[in-house]
Amino acid sequence: MNDVNFLYELYQVIQERKENPIEGSYTNYLFEQGLDKILKKTGEEASEVIIASKNNSPEEMVNEISDLLYHLLVLMVNEGVKIEDIAHELEKRRMKICNKKPEKKLDSIH
């Protein structure tokens, strides 16, 4: 996978699994179990990212963040949220940050 497009490519694979299930696939299992299972796994992975961060373990963080991103993508596909919509929203937010007015400094009163 290309570093820039890996999330999009993974999203497409997950979407393909939903449309054309493969027996024995973990992704297929999540879709079969439904929203509650997907949400439970997403929550578990988010907690594991927090623990890995608290443990100051970069390797563990990479593993857990990867798990979290995967489960978020499964959630997105399940709920019909397109990765392009997320990219667009993040770009809008980035533009707001770039156009942010500098904070005014209050002169200290002497």
PDB file of N, CA and C in Angstrom:
ATOM      1  N   MET A   1       0.831  -1.190   0.000  1.00  0.00           N
ATOM      2  CA  MET A   1       0.000   0.000   0.000  1.00  0.00           C
ATOM      3  C   MET A   1       0.873   1.250   0.000  1.00  0.00           C
ATOM      4  N   ASN A   2       0.444   2.232  -0.730  1.00  0.00           N
ATOM      5  CA  ASN A   2       1.115   3.524  -0.753  1.00  0.00           C
ATOM      6  C   ASN A   2       0.869   4.229   0.577  1.00  0.00           C
ATOM      7  N   ASP A   3       1.890   4.836   1.135  1.00  0.00           N
ATOM      8  CA  ASP A   3       1.757   5.503   2.431  1.00  0.00           C
ATOM      9  C   ASP A   3       0.641   6.527   2.442  1.00  0.00           C
ATOM     10  N   VAL A   4       0.468   7.229   1.336  1.00  0.00           N
ATOM     11  CA  VAL A   4      -0.528   8.295   1.287  1.00  0.00           C
ATOM     12  C   VAL A   4      -1.940   7.732   1.181  1.00  0.00           C
ATOM     13  N   ASN A   5      -2.108   6.638   0.484  1.00  0.00           N
ATOM     14  CA  ASN A   5      -3.438   6.117   0.182  1.00  0.00           C
ATOM     15  C   ASN A   5      -3.843   4.896   1.003  1.00  0.00           C
ATOM     16  N   PHE A   6      -3.060   4.521   1.989  1.00  0.00           N
ATOM     17  CA  PHE A   6      -3.325   3.256   2.668  1.00  0.00           C
ATOM     18  C   PHE A   6      -4.701   3.204   3.325  1.00  0.00           C
ATOM     19  N   LEU A   7      -5.166   4.296   3.917  1.00  0.00           N
ATOM     20  CA  LEU A   7      -6.484   4.272   4.553  1.00  0.00           C
ATOM     21  C   LEU A   7      -7.584   4.117   3.515  1.00  0.00           C
ATOM     22  N   TYR A   8      -7.453   4.818   2.410  1.00  0.00           N
ATOM     23  CA  TYR A   8      -8.442   4.710   1.341  1.00  0.00           C
ATOM     24  C   TYR A   8      -8.468   3.281   0.794  1.00  0.00           C
ATOM     25  N   GLU A   9      -7.294   2.707   0.572  1.00  0.00           N
ATOM     26  CA  GLU A   9      -7.224   1.346   0.048  1.00  0.00           C
ATOM     27  C   GLU A   9      -7.813   0.343   1.041  1.00  0.00           C
ATOM     28  N   LEU A  10      -7.517   0.504   2.312  1.00  0.00           N
ATOM     29  CA  LEU A  10      -8.087  -0.382   3.324  1.00  0.00           C
ATOM     30  C   LEU A  10      -9.601  -0.210   3.396  1.00  0.00           C
ATOM     31  N   TYR A  11     -10.067   1.022   3.307  1.00  0.00           N
ATOM     32  CA  TYR A  11     -11.509   1.293   3.285  1.00  0.00           C
ATOM     33  C   TYR A  11     -12.162   0.530   2.131  1.00  0.00           C
ATOM     34  N   GLN A  12     -11.537   0.564   0.963  1.00  0.00           N
ATOM     35  CA  GLN A  12     -12.085  -0.127  -0.204  1.00  0.00           C
ATOM     36  C   GLN A  12     -12.132  -1.636   0.008  1.00  0.00           C
ATOM     37  N   VAL A  13     -11.099  -2.189   0.636  1.00  0.00           N
ATOM     38  CA  VAL A  13     -11.084  -3.628   0.920  1.00  0.00           C
ATOM     39  C   VAL A  13     -12.218  -3.977   1.873  1.00  0.00           C
ATOM     40  N   ILE A  14     -12.410  -3.171   2.898  1.00  0.00           N
ATOM     41  CA  ILE A  14     -13.475  -3.421   3.871  1.00  0.00           C
ATOM     42  C   ILE A  14     -14.838  -3.308   3.199  1.00  0.00           C
ATOM     43  N   GLN A  15     -14.997  -2.303   2.355  1.00  0.00           N
ATOM     44  CA  GLN A  15     -16.258  -2.134   1.624  1.00  0.00           C
ATOM     45  C   GLN A  15     -16.523  -3.344   0.713  1.00  0.00           C
ATOM     46  N   GLU A  16     -15.482  -3.833   0.067  1.00  0.00           N
ATOM     47  CA  GLU A  16     -15.594  -5.023  -0.786  1.00  0.00           C
ATOM     48  C   GLU A  16     -16.025  -6.231   0.040  1.00  0.00           C
ATOM     49  N   ARG A  17     -15.476  -6.364   1.255  1.00  0.00           N
ATOM     50  CA  ARG A  17     -15.852  -7.487   2.132  1.00  0.00           C
ATOM     51  C   ARG A  17     -17.323  -7.406   2.519  1.00  0.00           C
ATOM     52  N   LYS A  18     -17.815  -6.189   2.712  1.00  0.00           N
ATOM     53  CA  LYS A  18     -19.226  -6.049   3.074  1.00  0.00           C
ATOM     54  C   LYS A  18     -20.116  -6.438   1.894  1.00  0.00           C
ATOM     55  N   GLU A  19     -19.723  -6.013   0.700  1.00  0.00           N
ATOM     56  CA  GLU A  19     -20.524  -6.293  -0.491  1.00  0.00           C
ATOM     57  C   GLU A  19     -20.380  -7.740  -0.950  1.00  0.00           C
ATOM     58  N   ASN A  20     -19.207  -8.321  -0.755  1.00  0.00           N
ATOM     59  CA  ASN A  20     -18.911  -9.695  -1.177  1.00  0.00           C
ATOM     60  C   ASN A  20     -18.217 -10.434  -0.036  1.00  0.00           C
ATOM     61  N   PRO A  21     -19.007 -10.883   0.942  1.00  0.00           N
ATOM     62  CA  PRO A  21     -18.428 -11.507   2.130  1.00  0.00           C
ATOM     63  C   PRO A  21     -17.573 -12.727   1.802  1.00  0.00           C
ATOM     64  N   ILE A  22     -16.511 -12.892   2.581  1.00  0.00           N
ATOM     65  CA  ILE A  22     -15.642 -14.053   2.480  1.00  0.00           C
ATOM     66  C   ILE A  22     -15.774 -14.820   3.794  1.00  0.00           C
ATOM     67  N   GLU A  23     -16.206 -16.056   3.685  1.00  0.00           N
ATOM     68  CA  GLU A  23     -16.391 -16.871   4.878  1.00  0.00           C
ATOM     69  C   GLU A  23     -15.085 -16.993   5.644  1.00  0.00           C
ATOM     70  N   GLY A  24     -15.162 -16.815   6.957  1.00  0.00           N
ATOM     71  CA  GLY A  24     -13.985 -16.918   7.812  1.00  0.00           C
ATOM     72  C   GLY A  24     -13.250 -15.598   7.979  1.00  0.00           C
ATOM     73  N   SER A  25     -13.661 -14.565   7.246  1.00  0.00           N
ATOM     74  CA  SER A  25     -13.025 -13.251   7.342  1.00  0.00           C
ATOM     75  C   SER A  25     -13.476 -12.551   8.620  1.00  0.00           C
ATOM     76  N   TYR A  26     -12.510 -11.979   9.339  1.00  0.00           N
ATOM     77  CA  TYR A  26     -12.844 -11.235  10.563  1.00  0.00           C
ATOM     78  C   TYR A  26     -13.733 -10.049  10.227  1.00  0.00           C
ATOM     79  N   THR A  27     -13.457  -9.396   9.117  1.00  0.00           N
ATOM     80  CA  THR A  27     -14.282  -8.256   8.693  1.00  0.00           C
ATOM     81  C   THR A  27     -15.717  -8.715   8.463  1.00  0.00           C
ATOM     82  N   ASN A  28     -15.872  -9.841   7.797  1.00  0.00           N
ATOM     83  CA  ASN A  28     -17.197 -10.394   7.561  1.00  0.00           C
ATOM     84  C   ASN A  28     -17.898 -10.706   8.878  1.00  0.00           C
ATOM     85  N   TYR A  29     -17.143 -11.264   9.812  1.00  0.00           N
ATOM     86  CA  TYR A  29     -17.681 -11.568  11.144  1.00  0.00           C
ATOM     87  C   TYR A  29     -18.242 -10.308  11.803  1.00  0.00           C
ATOM     88  N   LEU A  30     -17.485  -9.219  11.745  1.00  0.00           N
ATOM     89  CA  LEU A  30     -17.954  -7.973  12.357  1.00  0.00           C
ATOM     90  C   LEU A  30     -19.252  -7.495  11.707  1.00  0.00           C
ATOM     91  N   PHE A  31     -19.318  -7.535  10.378  1.00  0.00           N
ATOM     92  CA  PHE A  31     -20.538  -7.112   9.692  1.00  0.00           C
ATOM     93  C   PHE A  31     -21.714  -8.022  10.040  1.00  0.00           C
ATOM     94  N   GLU A  32     -21.476  -9.316  10.152  1.00  0.00           N
ATOM     95  CA  GLU A  32     -22.542 -10.252  10.527  1.00  0.00           C
ATOM     96  C   GLU A  32     -23.056  -9.964  11.931  1.00  0.00           C
ATOM     97  N   GLN A  33     -22.153  -9.616  12.848  1.00  0.00           N
ATOM     98  CA  GLN A  33     -22.539  -9.360  14.234  1.00  0.00           C
ATOM     99  C   GLN A  33     -23.274  -8.031  14.393  1.00  0.00           C
ATOM    100  N   GLY A  34     -22.999  -7.097  13.513  1.00  0.00           N
ATOM    101  CA  GLY A  34     -23.736  -5.841  13.499  1.00  0.00           C
ATOM    102  C   GLY A  34     -23.094  -4.704  14.274  1.00  0.00           C
ATOM    103  N   LEU A  35     -23.830  -3.626  14.330  1.00  0.00           N
ATOM    104  CA  LEU A  35     -23.345  -2.369  14.878  1.00  0.00           C
ATOM    105  C   LEU A  35     -22.856  -2.487  16.321  1.00  0.00           C
ATOM    106  N   ASP A  36     -23.597  -3.180  17.161  1.00  0.00           N
ATOM    107  CA  ASP A  36     -23.189  -3.275  18.568  1.00  0.00           C
ATOM    108  C   ASP A  36     -21.799  -3.903  18.716  1.00  0.00           C
ATOM    109  N   LYS A  37     -21.520  -4.951  17.967  1.00  0.00           N
ATOM    110  CA  LYS A  37     -20.211  -5.609  18.036  1.00  0.00           C
ATOM    111  C   LYS A  37     -19.121  -4.688  17.503  1.00  0.00           C
ATOM    112  N   ILE A  38     -19.410  -3.994  16.408  1.00  0.00           N
ATOM    113  CA  ILE A  38     -18.438  -3.072  15.820  1.00  0.00           C
ATOM    114  C   ILE A  38     -18.126  -1.951  16.803  1.00  0.00           C
ATOM    115  N   LEU A  39     -19.146  -1.411  17.440  1.00  0.00           N
ATOM    116  CA  LEU A  39     -18.943  -0.348  18.425  1.00  0.00           C
ATOM    117  C   LEU A  39     -18.160  -0.853  19.635  1.00  0.00           C
ATOM    118  N   LYS A  40     -18.472  -2.063  20.086  1.00  0.00           N
ATOM    119  CA  LYS A  40     -17.752  -2.637  21.228  1.00  0.00           C
ATOM    120  C   LYS A  40     -16.265  -2.768  20.909  1.00  0.00           C
ATOM    121  N   LYS A  41     -15.950  -3.308  19.726  1.00  0.00           N
ATOM    122  CA  LYS A  41     -14.548  -3.483  19.342  1.00  0.00           C
ATOM    123  C   LYS A  41     -13.851  -2.134  19.169  1.00  0.00           C
ATOM    124  N   THR A  42     -14.547  -1.159  18.611  1.00  0.00           N
ATOM    125  CA  THR A  42     -13.965   0.174  18.428  1.00  0.00           C
ATOM    126  C   THR A  42     -13.639   0.785  19.786  1.00  0.00           C
ATOM    127  N   GLY A  43     -14.554   0.660  20.725  1.00  0.00           N
ATOM    128  CA  GLY A  43     -14.324   1.165  22.078  1.00  0.00           C
ATOM    129  C   GLY A  43     -13.168   0.464  22.771  1.00  0.00           C
ATOM    130  N   GLU A  44     -13.098  -0.839  22.614  1.00  0.00           N
ATOM    131  CA  GLU A  44     -11.991  -1.606  23.211  1.00  0.00           C
ATOM    132  C   GLU A  44     -10.659  -1.137  22.652  1.00  0.00           C
ATOM    133  N   GLU A  45     -10.614  -0.964  21.346  1.00  0.00           N
ATOM    134  CA  GLU A  45      -9.360  -0.544  20.717  1.00  0.00           C
ATOM    135  C   GLU A  45      -8.969   0.874  21.141  1.00  0.00           C
ATOM    136  N   ALA A  46      -9.938   1.753  21.292  1.00  0.00           N
ATOM    137  CA  ALA A  46      -9.642   3.112  21.758  1.00  0.00           C
ATOM    138  C   ALA A  46      -9.029   3.061  23.159  1.00  0.00           C
ATOM    139  N   SER A  47      -9.597   2.222  24.016  1.00  0.00           N
ATOM    140  CA  SER A  47      -9.048   2.065  25.367  1.00  0.00           C
ATOM    141  C   SER A  47      -7.632   1.505  25.330  1.00  0.00           C
ATOM    142  N   GLU A  48      -7.380   0.572  24.421  1.00  0.00           N
ATOM    143  CA  GLU A  48      -6.046  -0.019  24.323  1.00  0.00           C
ATOM    144  C   GLU A  48      -5.020   0.990  23.807  1.00  0.00           C
ATOM    145  N   VAL A  49      -5.452   1.934  22.967  1.00  0.00           N
ATOM    146  CA  VAL A  49      -4.558   3.007  22.529  1.00  0.00           C
ATOM    147  C   VAL A  49      -4.172   3.870  23.726  1.00  0.00           C
ATOM    148  N   ILE A  50      -5.138   4.168  24.565  1.00  0.00           N
ATOM    149  CA  ILE A  50      -4.877   4.979  25.757  1.00  0.00           C
ATOM    150  C   ILE A  50      -3.882   4.270  26.672  1.00  0.00           C
ATOM    151  N   ILE A  51      -4.088   2.981  26.896  1.00  0.00           N
ATOM    152  CA  ILE A  51      -3.198   2.216  27.772  1.00  0.00           C
ATOM    153  C   ILE A  51      -1.785   2.156  27.181  1.00  0.00           C
ATOM    154  N   ALA A  52      -1.696   1.903  25.883  1.00  0.00           N
ATOM    155  CA  ALA A  52      -0.376   1.838  25.235  1.00  0.00           C
ATOM    156  C   ALA A  52       0.337   3.178  25.347  1.00  0.00           C
ATOM    157  N   SER A  53      -0.417   4.253  25.207  1.00  0.00           N
ATOM    158  CA  SER A  53       0.178   5.592  25.335  1.00  0.00           C
ATOM    159  C   SER A  53       0.663   5.823  26.752  1.00  0.00           C
ATOM    160  N   LYS A  54      -0.152   5.428  27.698  1.00  0.00           N
ATOM    161  CA  LYS A  54       0.207   5.584  29.113  1.00  0.00           C
ATOM    162  C   LYS A  54       1.437   4.752  29.463  1.00  0.00           C
ATOM    163  N   ASN A  55       1.573   3.598  28.808  1.00  0.00           N
ATOM    164  CA  ASN A  55       2.727   2.725  29.045  1.00  0.00           C
ATOM    165  C   ASN A  55       3.980   3.210  28.325  1.00  0.00           C
ATOM    166  N   ASN A  56       3.833   4.274  27.552  1.00  0.00           N
ATOM    167  CA  ASN A  56       4.950   4.853  26.802  1.00  0.00           C
ATOM    168  C   ASN A  56       5.646   3.788  25.940  1.00  0.00           C
ATOM    169  N   SER A  57       4.817   3.027  25.217  1.00  0.00           N
ATOM    170  CA  SER A  57       5.322   1.941  24.384  1.00  0.00           C
ATOM    171  C   SER A  57       5.011   2.235  22.920  1.00  0.00           C
ATOM    172  N   PRO A  58       5.968   2.816  22.189  1.00  0.00           N
ATOM    173  CA  PRO A  58       5.711   3.161  20.782  1.00  0.00           C
ATOM    174  C   PRO A  58       5.266   1.967  19.932  1.00  0.00           C
ATOM    175  N   GLU A  59       5.880   0.807  20.115  1.00  0.00           N
ATOM    176  CA  GLU A  59       5.500  -0.366  19.322  1.00  0.00           C
ATOM    177  C   GLU A  59       4.059  -0.774  19.617  1.00  0.00           C
ATOM    178  N   GLU A  60       3.719  -0.788  20.889  1.00  0.00           N
ATOM    179  CA  GLU A  60       2.351  -1.133  21.289  1.00  0.00           C
ATOM    180  C   GLU A  60       1.366  -0.084  20.769  1.00  0.00           C
ATOM    181  N   MET A  61       1.773   1.180  20.796  1.00  0.00           N
ATOM    182  CA  MET A  61       0.902   2.244  20.279  1.00  0.00           C
ATOM    183  C   MET A  61       0.633   2.051  18.792  1.00  0.00           C
ATOM    184  N   VAL A  62       1.660   1.739  18.027  1.00  0.00           N
ATOM    185  CA  VAL A  62       1.483   1.514  16.593  1.00  0.00           C
ATOM    186  C   VAL A  62       0.481   0.375  16.359  1.00  0.00           C
ATOM    187  N   ASN A  63       0.647  -0.707  17.101  1.00  0.00           N
ATOM    188  CA  ASN A  63      -0.271  -1.843  16.951  1.00  0.00           C
ATOM    189  C   ASN A  63      -1.700  -1.473  17.311  1.00  0.00           C
ATOM    190  N   GLU A  64      -1.874  -0.800  18.416  1.00  0.00           N
ATOM    191  CA  GLU A  64      -3.224  -0.470  18.874  1.00  0.00           C
ATOM    192  C   GLU A  64      -3.884   0.616  18.022  1.00  0.00           C
ATOM    193  N   ILE A  65      -3.108   1.593  17.581  1.00  0.00           N
ATOM    194  CA  ILE A  65      -3.665   2.618  16.691  1.00  0.00           C
ATOM    195  C   ILE A  65      -4.077   1.979  15.366  1.00  0.00           C
ATOM    196  N   SER A  66      -3.285   1.027  14.898  1.00  0.00           N
ATOM    197  CA  SER A  66      -3.650   0.306  13.669  1.00  0.00           C
ATOM    198  C   SER A  66      -4.971  -0.436  13.854  1.00  0.00           C
ATOM    199  N   ASP A  67      -5.126  -1.102  14.992  1.00  0.00           N
ATOM    200  CA  ASP A  67      -6.386  -1.799  15.285  1.00  0.00           C
ATOM    201  C   ASP A  67      -7.550  -0.817  15.338  1.00  0.00           C
ATOM    202  N   LEU A  68      -7.329   0.323  15.987  1.00  0.00           N
ATOM    203  CA  LEU A  68      -8.388   1.321  16.107  1.00  0.00           C
ATOM    204  C   LEU A  68      -8.788   1.866  14.740  1.00  0.00           C
ATOM    205  N   LEU A  69      -7.819   2.206  13.926  1.00  0.00           N
ATOM    206  CA  LEU A  69      -8.126   2.720  12.588  1.00  0.00           C
ATOM    207  C   LEU A  69      -8.913   1.697  11.774  1.00  0.00           C
ATOM    208  N   TYR A  70      -8.499   0.443  11.841  1.00  0.00           N
ATOM    209  CA  TYR A  70      -9.224  -0.613  11.136  1.00  0.00           C
ATOM    210  C   TYR A  70     -10.684  -0.667  11.596  1.00  0.00           C
ATOM    211  N   HIS A  71     -10.901  -0.696  12.897  1.00  0.00           N
ATOM    212  CA  HIS A  71     -12.270  -0.803  13.404  1.00  0.00           C
ATOM    213  C   HIS A  71     -13.084   0.455  13.104  1.00  0.00           C
ATOM    214  N   LEU A  72     -12.448   1.613  13.097  1.00  0.00           N
ATOM    215  CA  LEU A  72     -13.154   2.835  12.694  1.00  0.00           C
ATOM    216  C   LEU A  72     -13.584   2.757  11.229  1.00  0.00           C
ATOM    217  N   LEU A  73     -12.722   2.206  10.388  1.00  0.00           N
ATOM    218  CA  LEU A  73     -13.079   2.050   8.977  1.00  0.00           C
ATOM    219  C   LEU A  73     -14.227   1.055   8.801  1.00  0.00           C
ATOM    220  N   VAL A  74     -14.225  -0.022   9.574  1.00  0.00           N
ATOM    221  CA  VAL A  74     -15.343  -0.972   9.532  1.00  0.00           C
ATOM    222  C   VAL A  74     -16.629  -0.253   9.945  1.00  0.00           C
ATOM    223  N   LEU A  75     -16.558   0.542  10.996  1.00  0.00           N
ATOM    224  CA  LEU A  75     -17.719   1.315  11.442  1.00  0.00           C
ATOM    225  C   LEU A  75     -18.204   2.259  10.347  1.00  0.00           C
ATOM    226  N   MET A  76     -17.263   2.954   9.721  1.00  0.00           N
ATOM    227  CA  MET A  76     -17.625   3.882   8.652  1.00  0.00           C
ATOM    228  C   MET A  76     -18.335   3.167   7.513  1.00  0.00           C
ATOM    229  N   VAL A  77     -17.780   2.041   7.060  1.00  0.00           N
ATOM    230  CA  VAL A  77     -18.408   1.290   5.971  1.00  0.00           C
ATOM    231  C   VAL A  77     -19.786   0.809   6.404  1.00  0.00           C
ATOM    232  N   ASN A  78     -19.879   0.293   7.606  1.00  0.00           N
ATOM    233  CA  ASN A  78     -21.162  -0.211   8.105  1.00  0.00           C
ATOM    234  C   ASN A  78     -22.228   0.877   8.119  1.00  0.00           C
ATOM    235  N   GLU A  79     -21.830   2.080   8.460  1.00  0.00           N
ATOM    236  CA  GLU A  79     -22.781   3.183   8.603  1.00  0.00           C
ATOM    237  C   GLU A  79     -22.871   4.076   7.360  1.00  0.00           C
ATOM    238  N   GLY A  80     -22.136   3.715   6.302  1.00  0.00           N
ATOM    239  CA  GLY A  80     -22.218   4.465   5.057  1.00  0.00           C
ATOM    240  C   GLY A  80     -21.483   5.797   5.061  1.00  0.00           C
ATOM    241  N   VAL A  81     -20.522   5.945   5.945  1.00  0.00           N
ATOM    242  CA  VAL A  81     -19.712   7.164   5.989  1.00  0.00           C
ATOM    243  C   VAL A  81     -18.531   6.952   5.048  1.00  0.00           C
ATOM    244  N   LYS A  82     -18.409   7.818   4.081  1.00  0.00           N
ATOM    245  CA  LYS A  82     -17.340   7.676   3.086  1.00  0.00           C
ATOM    246  C   LYS A  82     -16.048   8.312   3.583  1.00  0.00           C
ATOM    247  N   ILE A  83     -14.939   7.700   3.236  1.00  0.00           N
ATOM    248  CA  ILE A  83     -13.645   8.226   3.647  1.00  0.00           C
ATOM    249  C   ILE A  83     -13.410   9.609   3.037  1.00  0.00           C
ATOM    250  N   GLU A  84     -13.965   9.838   1.851  1.00  0.00           N
ATOM    251  CA  GLU A  84     -13.845  11.153   1.216  1.00  0.00           C
ATOM    252  C   GLU A  84     -14.519  12.239   2.061  1.00  0.00           C
ATOM    253  N   ASP A  85     -15.617  11.876   2.729  1.00  0.00           N
ATOM    254  CA  ASP A  85     -16.305  12.842   3.601  1.00  0.00           C
ATOM    255  C   ASP A  85     -15.433  13.218   4.793  1.00  0.00           C
ATOM    256  N   ILE A  86     -14.729  12.242   5.338  1.00  0.00           N
ATOM    257  CA  ILE A  86     -13.819  12.517   6.455  1.00  0.00           C
ATOM    258  C   ILE A  86     -12.665  13.390   5.978  1.00  0.00           C
ATOM    259  N   ALA A  87     -12.103  13.043   4.815  1.00  0.00           N
ATOM    260  CA  ALA A  87     -10.995  13.835   4.260  1.00  0.00           C
ATOM    261  C   ALA A  87     -11.447  15.274   4.013  1.00  0.00           C
ATOM    262  N   HIS A  88     -12.654  15.443   3.484  1.00  0.00           N
ATOM    263  CA  HIS A  88     -13.180  16.787   3.214  1.00  0.00           C
ATOM    264  C   HIS A  88     -13.349  17.573   4.516  1.00  0.00           C
ATOM    265  N   GLU A  89     -13.887  16.926   5.534  1.00  0.00           N
ATOM    266  CA  GLU A  89     -14.089  17.602   6.825  1.00  0.00           C
ATOM    267  C   GLU A  89     -12.759  17.998   7.450  1.00  0.00           C
ATOM    268  N   LEU A  90     -11.795  17.110   7.392  1.00  0.00           N
ATOM    269  CA  LEU A  90     -10.474  17.426   7.953  1.00  0.00           C
ATOM    270  C   LEU A  90      -9.813  18.561   7.180  1.00  0.00           C
ATOM    271  N   GLU A  91      -9.998  18.573   5.873  1.00  0.00           N
ATOM    272  CA  GLU A  91      -9.446  19.665   5.059  1.00  0.00           C
ATOM    273  C   GLU A  91     -10.105  20.993   5.428  1.00  0.00           C
ATOM    274  N   LYS A  92     -11.420  20.990   5.641  1.00  0.00           N
ATOM    275  CA  LYS A  92     -12.115  22.214   6.074  1.00  0.00           C
ATOM    276  C   LYS A  92     -11.550  22.702   7.398  1.00  0.00           C
ATOM    277  N   ARG A  93     -11.324  21.785   8.302  1.00  0.00           N
ATOM    278  CA  ARG A  93     -10.777  22.160   9.610  1.00  0.00           C
ATOM    279  C   ARG A  93      -9.356  22.688   9.481  1.00  0.00           C
ATOM    280  N   ARG A  94      -8.567  22.070   8.600  1.00  0.00           N
ATOM    281  CA  ARG A  94      -7.197  22.535   8.378  1.00  0.00           C
ATOM    282  C   ARG A  94      -7.201  23.947   7.827  1.00  0.00           C
ATOM    283  N   MET A  95      -8.113  24.224   6.930  1.00  0.00           N
ATOM    284  CA  MET A  95      -8.194  25.559   6.344  1.00  0.00           C
ATOM    285  C   MET A  95      -8.576  26.587   7.413  1.00  0.00           C
ATOM    286  N   LYS A  96      -9.452  26.210   8.321  1.00  0.00           N
ATOM    287  CA  LYS A  96      -9.818  27.114   9.416  1.00  0.00           C
ATOM    288  C   LYS A  96      -8.606  27.419  10.279  1.00  0.00           C
ATOM    289  N   ILE A  97      -7.804  26.403  10.545  1.00  0.00           N
ATOM    290  CA  ILE A  97      -6.608  26.596  11.364  1.00  0.00           C
ATOM    291  C   ILE A  97      -5.637  27.517  10.642  1.00  0.00           C
ATOM    292  N   CYS A  98      -5.471  27.314   9.336  1.00  0.00           N
ATOM    293  CA  CYS A  98      -4.539  28.141   8.566  1.00  0.00           C
ATOM    294  C   CYS A  98      -4.996  29.589   8.488  1.00  0.00           C
ATOM    295  N   ASN A  99      -6.284  29.801   8.541  1.00  0.00           N
ATOM    296  CA  ASN A  99      -6.833  31.154   8.453  1.00  0.00           C
ATOM    297  C   ASN A  99      -7.121  31.758   9.819  1.00  0.00           C
ATOM    298  N   LYS A 100      -6.720  31.059  10.837  1.00  0.00           N
ATOM    299  CA  LYS A 100      -6.994  31.494  12.200  1.00  0.00           C
ATOM    300  C   LYS A 100      -6.327  32.847  12.463  1.00  0.00           C
ATOM    301  N   LYS A 101      -7.097  33.731  13.041  1.00  0.00           N
ATOM    302  CA  LYS A 101      -6.555  35.039  13.386  1.00  0.00           C
ATOM    303  C   LYS A 101      -5.627  34.887  14.587  1.00  0.00           C
ATOM    304  N   PRO A 102      -4.537  35.609  14.577  1.00  0.00           N
ATOM    305  CA  PRO A 102      -3.634  35.512  15.737  1.00  0.00           C
ATOM    306  C   PRO A 102      -4.340  36.001  16.999  1.00  0.00           C
ATOM    307  N   GLU A 103      -3.991  35.360  18.084  1.00  0.00           N
ATOM    308  CA  GLU A 103      -4.586  35.757  19.360  1.00  0.00           C
ATOM    309  C   GLU A 103      -4.055  37.132  19.740  1.00  0.00           C
ATOM    310  N   LYS A 104      -4.965  37.931  20.273  1.00  0.00           N
ATOM    311  CA  LYS A 104      -4.549  39.248  20.734  1.00  0.00           C
ATOM    312  C   LYS A 104      -3.926  39.106  22.122  1.00  0.00           C
ATOM    313  N   LYS A 105      -2.795  39.742  22.275  1.00  0.00           N
ATOM    314  CA  LYS A 105      -2.150  39.725  23.577  1.00  0.00           C
ATOM    315  C   LYS A 105      -2.604  40.947  24.338  1.00  0.00           C
ATOM    316  N   LEU A 106      -2.995  40.708  25.557  1.00  0.00           N
ATOM    317  CA  LEU A 106      -3.404  41.821  26.402  1.00  0.00           C
ATOM    318  C   LEU A 106      -2.159  42.479  26.990  1.00  0.00           C
ATOM    319  N   ASP A 107      -2.103  43.757  26.834  1.00  0.00           N
ATOM    320  CA  ASP A 107      -0.998  44.473  27.469  1.00  0.00           C
ATOM    321  C   ASP A 107      -1.193  44.413  28.964  1.00  0.00           C
ATOM    322  N   SER A 108      -0.120  44.172  29.657  1.00  0.00           N
ATOM    323  CA  SER A 108      -0.248  44.105  31.103  1.00  0.00           C
ATOM    324  C   SER A 108      -0.480  45.512  31.649  1.00  0.00           C
ATOM    325  N   ILE A 109      -1.305  45.587  32.634  1.00  0.00           N
ATOM    326  CA  ILE A 109      -1.627  46.864  33.252  1.00  0.00           C
ATOM    327  C   ILE A 109      -0.596  47.135  34.339  1.00  0.00           C
ATOM    328  N   HIS A 110       0.029  48.310  34.240  1.00  0.00           N
ATOM    329  CA  HIS A 110       1.076  48.652  35.206  1.00  0.00           C
ATOM    330  C   HIS A 110       0.551  49.614  36.203  1.00  0.00           C
TER     331      HIS A 110
END
